[in-house]
Protein backbone atom coordinates (compact mmCIF):
# COMPACT_ATOMS: atom_id res chain seq x y z
CA MET A 1 32.26 -18.85 -0.91
CA PRO A 2 32.44 -15.51 0.68
CA GLU A 3 28.51 -15.60 3.37
CA ALA A 4 25.56 -14.04 2.01
CA GLU A 5 24.56 -10.25 3.58
CA THR A 6 21.66 -8.78 4.11
CA SER A 7 20.51 -5.60 5.29
CA VAL A 8 18.96 -4.96 9.48
CA LEU A 9 18.19 -1.60 11.03
CA GLN A 10 18.89 -1.20 14.96
CA ILE A 11 17.68 1.50 17.03
CA THR A 12 17.96 3.11 20.99
CA GLY A 13 15.18 3.92 21.25
CA ARG A 14 14.03 7.09 24.05
CA SER A 15 14.96 9.45 21.92
CA SER A 16 12.87 12.87 21.35
CA LEU A 17 12.03 13.70 17.68
CA ASN A 18 12.55 16.82 16.06
CA GLY A 19 11.25 18.88 12.68
CA HIS A 20 9.68 18.43 9.49
CA VAL A 21 9.42 14.69 7.60
CA ARG A 22 8.50 14.94 4.05
CA ILE A 23 6.12 12.47 2.43
CA SER A 24 6.05 10.29 -0.60
CA GLY A 25 3.94 9.73 -3.06
CA ALA A 26 1.63 7.04 -2.88
CA LYS A 27 2.61 3.79 -3.19
CA ASN A 28 -0.67 2.17 -3.43
CA ALA A 29 -1.38 4.87 -6.28
CA ALA A 30 1.64 4.64 -8.18
CA LEU A 31 1.94 1.19 -9.18
CA VAL A 32 -1.93 0.88 -10.17
CA VAL A 33 -1.32 4.47 -11.75
CA MET A 34 1.28 2.69 -13.70
CA ALA A 35 -0.36 -0.28 -14.40
CA GLY A 36 -2.66 2.37 -16.13
CA ALA A 37 -0.41 3.85 -18.45
CA LEU A 38 -0.60 0.42 -20.33
CA LEU A 39 -4.44 1.38 -21.73
CA CYS A 40 -2.26 4.96 -22.76
CA PRO A 41 -1.60 4.61 -26.46
CA GLU A 42 1.13 7.49 -26.70
CA HIS A 43 3.12 9.07 -24.26
CA CYS A 44 3.06 9.73 -19.97
CA ARG A 45 5.08 11.26 -16.77
CA LEU A 46 4.01 10.26 -14.04
CA ARG A 47 5.65 12.31 -11.19
CA ASN A 48 6.60 11.92 -7.35
CA VAL A 49 6.41 8.30 -7.79
CA PRO A 50 8.13 6.81 -4.69
CA SER A 51 11.73 4.82 -4.91
CA LEU A 52 10.16 1.77 -3.69
CA ALA A 53 11.05 -1.67 -3.99
CA ASP A 54 7.52 -2.57 -5.33
CA VAL A 55 7.86 0.29 -7.71
CA ASP A 56 11.26 -1.02 -9.21
CA ARG A 57 9.39 -4.49 -9.34
CA MET A 58 6.34 -2.47 -11.43
CA ILE A 59 8.99 -1.37 -13.92
CA GLN A 60 10.72 -3.63 -14.75
CA ILE A 61 7.00 -5.71 -15.28
CA LEU A 62 6.16 -3.09 -17.53
CA ARG A 63 9.02 -3.45 -19.36
CA ILE A 64 8.55 -7.10 -20.26
CA PHE A 65 5.35 -5.71 -21.39
CA GLY A 66 7.49 -3.01 -24.50
CA LEU A 67 7.03 -0.04 -22.75
CA LYS A 68 10.40 2.11 -22.63
CA ILE A 69 10.55 3.65 -19.04
CA GLU A 70 12.09 6.15 -17.78
CA ARG A 71 13.58 7.43 -14.10
CA HIS A 72 14.73 11.13 -13.48
CA ASP A 73 14.27 11.23 -9.68
CA ASP A 74 10.37 10.84 -8.68
CA ILE A 75 9.61 11.34 -12.54
CA LEU A 76 8.68 8.78 -14.56
CA GLU A 77 8.63 8.53 -18.59
CA ILE A 78 6.73 5.98 -20.19
CA ASP A 79 7.24 5.06 -23.46
CA THR A 80 3.20 3.37 -24.35
CA THR A 81 2.81 3.45 -28.21
CA LYS A 82 3.40 -0.30 -28.67
CA ILE A 83 2.88 -3.17 -26.62
CA ALA A 84 4.56 -6.02 -27.54
CA THR A 85 3.79 -8.35 -25.42
CA ASN A 86 0.18 -9.39 -23.38
CA GLN A 87 1.70 -12.20 -21.06
CA ALA A 88 3.34 -11.39 -17.55
CA PRO A 89 6.44 -13.46 -16.05
CA TYR A 90 5.46 -15.96 -13.37
CA GLU A 91 7.86 -15.27 -11.31
CA LEU A 92 7.60 -11.23 -11.13
CA VAL A 93 3.42 -11.17 -10.32
CA SER A 94 3.93 -14.08 -7.75
CA GLN A 95 5.97 -11.61 -5.84
CA LEU A 96 4.05 -8.73 -6.55
CA ARG A 97 0.16 -8.75 -6.36
CA ALA A 98 0.00 -4.26 -7.69
CA SER A 99 1.29 -6.20 -10.98
CA PHE A 100 -2.78 -8.04 -11.40
CA PHE A 101 -4.46 -5.19 -12.24
CA ALA A 102 -1.91 -5.03 -15.58
CA ILE A 103 -4.35 -7.73 -16.71
CA GLY A 104 -8.02 -4.94 -16.91
CA PRO A 105 -5.21 -2.47 -19.15
CA LEU A 106 -3.72 -5.12 -21.28
CA LEU A 107 -7.45 -6.81 -21.59
CA ALA A 108 -9.04 -3.10 -22.69
CA ARG A 109 -6.40 -1.93 -25.22
CA LEU A 110 -4.96 -5.41 -27.08
CA GLY A 111 -8.09 -7.65 -26.67
CA GLU A 112 -6.62 -10.72 -24.80
CA ALA A 113 -4.53 -10.88 -21.61
CA HIS A 114 -2.67 -13.45 -19.94
CA VAL A 115 -1.73 -12.51 -16.41
CA PRO A 116 -0.82 -15.04 -12.80
CA LEU A 117 -2.09 -14.90 -9.92
CA PRO A 118 -0.99 -12.35 -8.05
CA GLY A 119 0.71 -12.40 -4.83
CA GLY A 120 2.11 -10.24 -2.16
CA CYS A 121 2.77 -9.68 1.73
CA ALA A 122 1.06 -13.19 3.66
CA ILE A 123 -1.79 -11.01 4.81
CA GLY A 124 -4.15 -12.47 3.55
CA ALA A 125 -5.95 -15.00 1.13
CA ARG A 126 -7.62 -11.42 -1.34
CA PRO A 127 -9.38 -13.20 -3.75
CA VAL A 128 -9.61 -12.38 -7.65
CA ASP A 129 -12.96 -13.69 -8.02
CA LEU A 130 -14.32 -10.22 -8.03
CA HIS A 131 -11.85 -9.08 -10.62
CA VAL A 132 -13.14 -11.96 -13.12
CA ARG A 133 -16.85 -11.51 -12.75
CA GLY A 134 -16.89 -7.86 -13.33
CA LEU A 135 -14.34 -9.17 -16.57
CA GLN A 136 -17.29 -11.72 -17.52
CA ALA A 137 -19.87 -9.24 -17.72
CA LEU A 138 -18.01 -6.24 -19.51
CA GLY A 139 -17.68 -9.12 -22.05
CA ALA A 140 -14.31 -11.08 -21.31
CA HIS A 141 -13.98 -15.35 -21.25
CA VAL A 142 -11.60 -15.83 -18.70
CA GLN A 143 -10.07 -19.16 -17.49
CA ILE A 144 -8.24 -20.31 -14.99
CA ASP A 145 -5.13 -21.97 -15.34
CA ARG A 146 -2.64 -23.85 -13.58
CA GLY A 147 -1.58 -20.02 -11.51
CA MET A 148 -2.39 -18.57 -15.03
CA VAL A 149 -5.21 -16.46 -15.83
CA ARG A 150 -6.64 -15.31 -19.21
CA ALA A 151 -8.66 -12.86 -20.09
CA TYR A 152 -10.15 -12.12 -23.79
CA ILE A 153 -12.66 -10.66 -25.55
CA PRO A 154 -14.64 -12.42 -29.00
CA GLY A 155 -15.25 -11.77 -31.64
CA ALA A 156 -14.71 -10.02 -33.63
CA LYS A 157 -15.07 -6.73 -32.04
CA ARG A 158 -12.64 -6.62 -29.57
CA ARG A 159 -14.28 -4.69 -27.37
CA LEU A 160 -15.18 -4.64 -23.67
CA GLN A 161 -18.95 -3.88 -23.23
CA GLY A 162 -20.48 -1.22 -20.65
CA ALA A 163 -22.52 -3.29 -18.18
CA LYS A 164 -23.57 -2.75 -14.49
CA ILE A 165 -21.73 -4.18 -12.15
CA TYR A 166 -22.54 -5.16 -8.32
CA LEU A 167 -19.03 -5.78 -6.13
CA ASP A 168 -20.39 -8.25 -3.61
CA TYR A 169 -17.89 -6.30 -1.38
CA PRO A 170 -15.75 -2.73 -2.26
CA SER A 171 -12.59 -4.26 -2.83
CA VAL A 172 -9.89 -1.73 -4.33
CA GLY A 173 -8.01 -3.85 -5.95
CA ALA A 174 -11.08 -5.13 -7.79
CA THR A 175 -12.89 -1.44 -8.42
CA GLU A 176 -9.82 -0.10 -10.21
CA THR A 177 -8.93 -3.63 -12.46
CA LEU A 178 -13.16 -2.63 -14.00
CA MET A 179 -12.71 1.06 -13.79
CA MET A 180 -10.08 0.60 -16.22
CA ALA A 181 -10.77 -1.97 -18.01
CA ALA A 182 -14.16 0.18 -19.06
CA THR A 183 -12.51 2.88 -20.02
CA LEU A 184 -12.00 1.92 -23.04
CA ALA A 185 -15.36 0.27 -23.05
CA GLU A 186 -18.20 0.37 -25.68
CA GLY A 187 -20.63 2.55 -23.58
CA GLU A 188 -21.53 2.98 -20.27
CA THR A 189 -20.31 0.94 -17.81
CA VAL A 190 -21.44 1.43 -13.24
CA LEU A 191 -19.57 -0.11 -10.78
CA LYS A 192 -22.02 -0.36 -7.90
CA ASN A 193 -20.57 -1.09 -3.61
CA ALA A 194 -17.13 0.75 -5.43
CA ALA A 195 -13.79 1.28 -3.42
CA GLN A 196 -13.70 4.20 -2.30
CA GLU A 197 -9.98 4.96 -1.53
CA PRO A 198 -8.24 7.23 -1.82
CA GLU A 199 -6.05 6.12 -4.28
CA VAL A 200 -9.03 4.36 -5.98
CA VAL A 201 -9.92 8.39 -6.84
CA ASP A 202 -5.89 8.68 -7.86
CA LEU A 203 -6.54 5.76 -10.51
CA ALA A 204 -10.00 8.10 -11.35
CA ASN A 205 -8.12 11.34 -12.02
CA PHE A 206 -5.59 10.24 -13.65
CA CYS A 207 -7.25 8.61 -16.52
CA ASN A 208 -9.89 11.36 -16.53
CA ALA A 209 -6.14 13.15 -17.69
CA MET A 210 -6.16 11.20 -20.75
CA GLY A 211 -9.00 11.86 -21.85
CA ALA A 212 -11.91 8.44 -20.02
CA GLU A 213 -15.06 9.71 -19.00
CA ILE A 214 -15.78 8.58 -14.95
CA THR A 215 -17.45 10.22 -12.34
CA GLY A 216 -18.56 8.87 -8.91
CA ALA A 217 -14.97 8.77 -7.95
CA GLY A 218 -15.09 7.98 -3.77
CA THR A 219 -18.42 7.31 -3.98
CA ASN A 220 -19.67 3.98 -3.58
CA THR A 221 -21.27 4.59 -6.81
CA ILE A 222 -18.79 4.78 -10.02
CA VAL A 223 -19.91 5.70 -13.84
CA ILE A 224 -17.49 5.65 -16.71
CA GLN A 225 -18.26 6.14 -19.74
CA GLY A 226 -16.01 4.11 -22.46
CA LYS A 227 -14.39 6.33 -25.76
CA PRO A 228 -12.32 4.47 -27.84
CA GLU A 229 -8.64 6.12 -27.18
CA LEU A 230 -6.96 7.73 -24.58
CA HIS A 231 -4.16 10.24 -25.02
CA SER A 232 -0.93 11.34 -23.25
CA VAL A 233 -1.08 12.62 -19.70
CA ASP A 234 1.51 14.13 -17.22
CA TYR A 235 -0.01 13.63 -13.92
CA SER A 236 1.42 14.07 -10.13
CA ILE A 237 0.48 10.95 -7.58
CA ILE A 238 -1.01 11.88 -4.52
CA PRO A 239 1.26 11.55 -0.98
CA ASP A 240 1.05 8.11 1.00
CA ARG A 241 -1.30 9.20 3.72
CA ILE A 242 -0.74 5.72 4.88
CA GLU A 243 3.57 7.23 5.48
CA ALA A 244 2.10 10.39 6.66
CA GLY A 245 -0.29 8.33 9.35
CA THR A 246 2.64 6.58 10.66
CA PHE A 247 4.71 9.25 11.01
CA LEU A 248 2.03 11.37 12.63
CA VAL A 249 2.47 8.01 15.52
CA ALA A 250 5.82 8.22 15.66
CA GLY A 251 5.34 11.76 17.21
CA ALA A 252 2.58 10.28 19.38
CA ILE A 253 4.87 7.47 20.61
CA THR A 254 7.70 9.16 21.46
CA TYR A 255 6.01 12.39 23.29
CA SER A 256 7.30 14.67 19.86
CA GLU A 257 6.11 17.83 18.01
CA LEU A 258 6.23 16.49 14.48
CA LEU A 259 5.49 18.58 11.36
CA ILE A 260 4.32 16.46 8.67
CA SER A 261 3.69 17.47 4.49
CA PRO A 262 2.69 17.35 1.93
CA VAL A 263 -0.39 15.59 3.08
CA VAL A 264 -3.84 15.45 1.71
CA PRO A 265 -5.65 15.69 5.71
CA GLU A 266 -8.70 14.69 4.56
CA HIS A 267 -7.51 11.50 3.66
CA LEU A 268 -6.09 10.97 6.97
CA THR A 269 -9.85 11.82 9.11
CA ALA A 270 -10.03 8.05 10.74
CA ALA A 271 -6.38 8.28 11.67
CA ILE A 272 -6.36 11.03 12.98
CA ALA A 273 -9.94 11.07 14.94
CA LYS A 274 -8.12 8.01 16.70
CA LEU A 275 -4.95 9.93 17.33
CA GLU A 276 -7.43 11.76 19.61
CA GLN A 277 -9.53 9.85 21.53
CA ILE A 278 -6.11 8.85 22.65
CA GLY A 279 -4.78 12.03 23.58
CA SER A 280 -2.63 13.81 20.81
CA GLN A 281 -3.07 16.46 18.47
CA VAL A 282 -3.05 16.95 14.84
CA ILE A 283 -3.25 20.87 13.45
CA VAL A 284 -4.26 21.77 9.77
CA GLU A 285 -0.91 24.32 9.41
CA ALA A 286 -2.25 24.57 5.54
CA PRO A 287 -4.06 22.55 3.22
CA ASP A 288 -1.08 20.50 2.95
CA CYS A 289 0.33 20.30 6.41
CA VAL A 290 -0.09 18.56 9.76
CA ARG A 291 1.53 19.16 12.97
CA VAL A 292 0.94 15.88 15.94
CA VAL A 293 1.22 17.17 18.87
CA PRO A 294 1.74 14.90 21.14
CA GLY A 295 -0.57 14.39 24.89
CA GLU A 296 1.18 13.99 28.14
CA VAL A 297 -0.63 9.93 28.34
CA ILE A 298 -1.70 7.89 25.47
CA ARG A 299 -5.11 7.23 26.53
CA LYS A 300 -6.87 4.05 25.57
CA THR A 301 -9.33 3.44 22.44
CA ASP A 302 -10.49 0.61 20.23
CA ILE A 303 -10.61 0.23 16.87
CA GLU A 304 -11.78 -1.78 13.76
CA THR A 305 -10.66 -1.79 10.95
CA LEU A 306 -13.12 -0.87 7.74
CA PRO A 307 -12.94 0.15 4.10
CA TYR A 308 -12.51 3.56 3.05
CA PRO A 309 -13.70 5.98 4.60
CA GLY A 310 -12.91 3.82 8.13
CA PHE A 311 -9.63 2.88 9.98
CA PRO A 312 -7.37 1.81 7.71
CA THR A 313 -6.39 -1.33 7.61
CA ASP A 314 -2.87 -0.94 7.26
CA MET A 315 -2.68 1.14 10.00
CA GLN A 316 -4.03 -1.20 12.38
CA ALA A 317 -0.03 -1.90 13.13
CA GLN A 318 1.33 0.96 13.72
CA PHE A 319 -1.72 2.20 16.42
CA MET A 320 -1.14 -1.33 18.24
CA THR A 321 2.13 -0.40 19.07
CA LEU A 322 0.64 2.69 19.83
CA LEU A 323 -1.46 0.98 22.27
CA THR A 324 0.75 -1.04 23.54
CA LEU A 325 2.20 1.72 25.84
CA ALA A 326 -1.50 3.34 26.89
CA ASN A 327 -2.83 3.78 30.42
CA GLY A 328 -6.07 0.39 30.65
CA ASP A 329 -7.14 -1.88 27.86
CA SER A 330 -7.45 -1.98 24.43
CA THR A 331 -9.22 -3.48 21.73
CA ILE A 332 -8.44 -4.40 18.19
CA CYS A 333 -10.46 -6.27 15.68
CA GLU A 334 -8.85 -7.04 12.60
CA THR A 335 -12.19 -7.23 9.75
CA VAL A 336 -10.43 -6.65 6.57
CA PHE A 337 -7.34 -9.40 6.29
CA GLU A 338 -7.64 -12.54 8.64
CA ASN A 339 -3.48 -12.39 8.85
CA ARG A 340 -2.64 -9.54 9.94
CA LEU A 341 -2.12 -10.02 13.34
CA ARG A 342 1.42 -11.88 13.07
CA HIS A 343 3.20 -8.87 14.27
CA VAL A 344 1.61 -9.38 17.68
CA ALA A 345 4.36 -12.27 18.48
CA GLU A 346 7.06 -9.68 17.45
CA LEU A 347 5.94 -7.34 19.67
CA LYS A 348 5.33 -9.54 22.97
CA ARG A 349 8.79 -10.64 22.12
CA MET A 350 9.35 -6.03 23.37
CA GLY A 351 7.43 -6.46 26.61
CA ALA A 352 4.00 -5.28 25.10
CA ASP A 353 0.48 -7.74 26.81
CA ILE A 354 -1.78 -8.87 24.04
CA ARG A 355 -3.97 -11.38 23.79
CA VAL A 356 -5.17 -12.78 20.25
CA LYS A 357 -8.58 -14.52 19.76
CA GLY A 358 -9.60 -15.42 16.54
CA ASN A 359 -9.57 -11.38 14.72
CA GLN A 360 -9.72 -9.56 17.30
CA ALA A 361 -6.17 -8.56 20.05
CA VAL A 362 -6.62 -7.24 23.50
CA VAL A 363 -4.08 -4.56 24.37
CA ARG A 364 -3.78 -4.17 27.94
CA GLY A 365 -0.43 -1.71 28.58
CA VAL A 366 2.64 -1.96 30.21
CA PRO A 367 4.70 0.91 31.43
CA TYR A 368 7.43 0.54 29.08
CA LEU A 369 8.43 -1.23 25.71
CA SER A 370 12.29 -3.12 26.30
CA GLY A 371 14.84 -3.17 22.72
CA ALA A 372 15.09 -7.24 21.39
CA PRO A 373 15.40 -8.24 17.78
CA VAL A 374 12.67 -8.47 15.86
CA VAL A 375 11.13 -9.94 12.78
CA ALA A 376 8.73 -7.81 9.80
CA THR A 377 6.75 -10.56 9.25
CA ASP A 378 4.41 -7.55 6.58
CA LEU A 379 5.04 -3.87 5.25
CA ARG A 380 3.32 -2.50 8.31
CA ALA A 381 4.42 -5.55 10.61
CA SER A 382 7.74 -4.07 10.03
CA ALA A 383 6.21 0.25 10.35
CA ALA A 384 4.99 -0.94 13.94
CA LEU A 385 7.98 -2.33 14.74
CA VAL A 386 9.90 0.40 14.01
CA LEU A 387 7.53 3.10 16.55
CA ALA A 388 8.00 -0.01 18.40
CA GLY A 389 11.78 0.28 18.48
CA LEU A 390 12.23 4.33 18.97
CA ALA A 391 9.58 3.94 22.30
CA ALA A 392 11.47 1.10 23.56
CA GLU A 393 14.40 1.45 26.46
CA GLY A 394 17.41 -0.19 24.96
CA THR A 395 18.25 -0.88 20.96
CA THR A 396 16.47 -3.09 19.38
CA THR A 397 16.69 -4.68 15.69
CA ILE A 398 14.79 -5.33 12.96
CA GLN A 399 15.47 -8.29 10.97
CA GLY A 400 13.10 -8.70 7.54
CA LEU A 401 13.96 -5.07 5.91
CA HIS A 402 12.32 -6.31 2.13
CA HIS A 403 9.29 -6.55 3.59
CA LEU A 404 10.03 -2.28 4.46
CA ASP A 405 11.73 -1.43 1.36
CA ARG A 406 8.99 -2.80 -0.99
CA GLY A 407 6.56 0.75 0.87
CA TYR A 408 8.60 2.72 3.14
CA GLU A 409 10.89 5.19 1.28
CA ASN A 410 14.32 5.77 2.97
CA LEU A 411 12.00 5.84 6.23
CA ASP A 412 15.48 5.04 8.52
CA LEU A 413 16.95 8.16 6.72
CA LYS A 414 14.22 10.30 6.86
CA LEU A 415 14.35 9.97 10.90
CA GLN A 416 17.49 9.98 10.84
CA LYS A 417 16.55 13.94 10.14
CA VAL A 418 14.28 14.83 12.57
CA GLY A 419 16.87 13.19 16.07
CA ALA A 420 16.59 9.19 14.92
CA ARG A 421 18.96 7.43 16.73
CA ILE A 422 18.78 4.36 13.85
CA ARG A 423 20.64 3.12 11.46
CA ARG A 424 21.43 0.49 8.90
CA LEU A 425 23.34 -2.71 9.63
CA ARG A 426 25.08 -5.34 7.03
CA VAL A 427 24.88 -8.44 8.17
CA SER A 428 26.28 -11.82 8.15
CA GLU A 429 22.21 -13.99 7.27
CA ASP A 430 24.33 -16.76 9.03
CA SER A 431 23.88 -14.27 12.01
CA LEU A 432 19.98 -13.63 11.53
CA LEU A 433 17.14 -15.49 13.82
CA PRO A 434 15.22 -18.58 11.43
CA GLU A 435 12.27 -16.60 10.45
CA ALA A 436 13.95 -13.65 9.09
CA LYS A 437 15.75 -16.43 7.06
CA THR A 438 13.72 -15.62 3.57
CA PRO A 439 14.81 -17.11 0.45
CA SER A 440 15.55 -14.13 -2.46
CA SER A 441 12.61 -15.70 -4.54
CA ALA A 442 9.27 -15.75 -1.72
CA LEU A 443 10.46 -12.16 -1.86
CA LYS A 444 7.14 -10.50 -1.59
């Protein structure tokens, strides 16, 4: 029997980077907009869709629902005229949290949905109780049994009813699920304490382009006037602010100038502010283009993750890597997900000096990092380890790339183009560190 193989990234650090990096479409916007296509009874064309493992999984799930999907480069052609089933398969949904978003559109369009409880990176509980309570407020009956969520609209009308809903926490997922469900509800829905993330705004813009009437997206109060039906749409996904932020940090940590586009600079406000505190400059060269100019030293700073417009939890690991090389001690407080400091052990393997207590990490800057074999524990941790490898002396080998490929389109090739010494290698699974040996059925 042949030996099983997998991919690793090998990085030789301390290279200066230079040039232009093209940012792909936003993963978190693309996934929810793809689920939102279920609301459309006609045809959807989505542009600027990144080529990612998570997007491929979402395509599989939508095809099981009966949608016909063709991909041409970064364009998805989606025929949504017929939905064959309202049940999502457990084995796929358990690997991709974003697939739970299908519950809102399916319920609104068909009157019933059966969706398993979601999976994703193991970075915290991320319960769906806010989704469930919101759907109940819209008139749905919701039952959870043995890992399956069944939601249906009782009575003959089979149409959700508008409602006033207050979210106990500004959950992005709950905001998006309820916003989609309410687009086809009867009457007005008001979401209070709604999430304000750019991906929420992108979803609202997508729904409005299909004929929905949503106002207030990007603020903490979103108002949806329900419509009987929507229509076909041609829509382009926003650029990925987390990928853009990751490349900004790549410039700062390697003391390199990089030009990054397309971006929406306002989406990067919190990350740019922290980079400037740390000593780098970020110059807006054009409405969709920024340049990072590194400082002579990396200064210490403190970071607390918060819902948007606060500092994004999805940039915490990357900034922690940058601060391992700062002059002085920095404190990072993770308030969004309880298990999002698992990359600390891997950074310490490379020589970082980090102490963790609860949800707080104290990062004491060291003169240099050293290349080592490390294992990615989740999506953003994998990007943080790539950044560490770029800055480290010697060679770093990163295992667990299934995490990286969920959310970054060709990160290694993009880095190669700007001068990084990075390559993807095939290796025997027997040569991996024990914690990198993840069964294929558990890839999340």
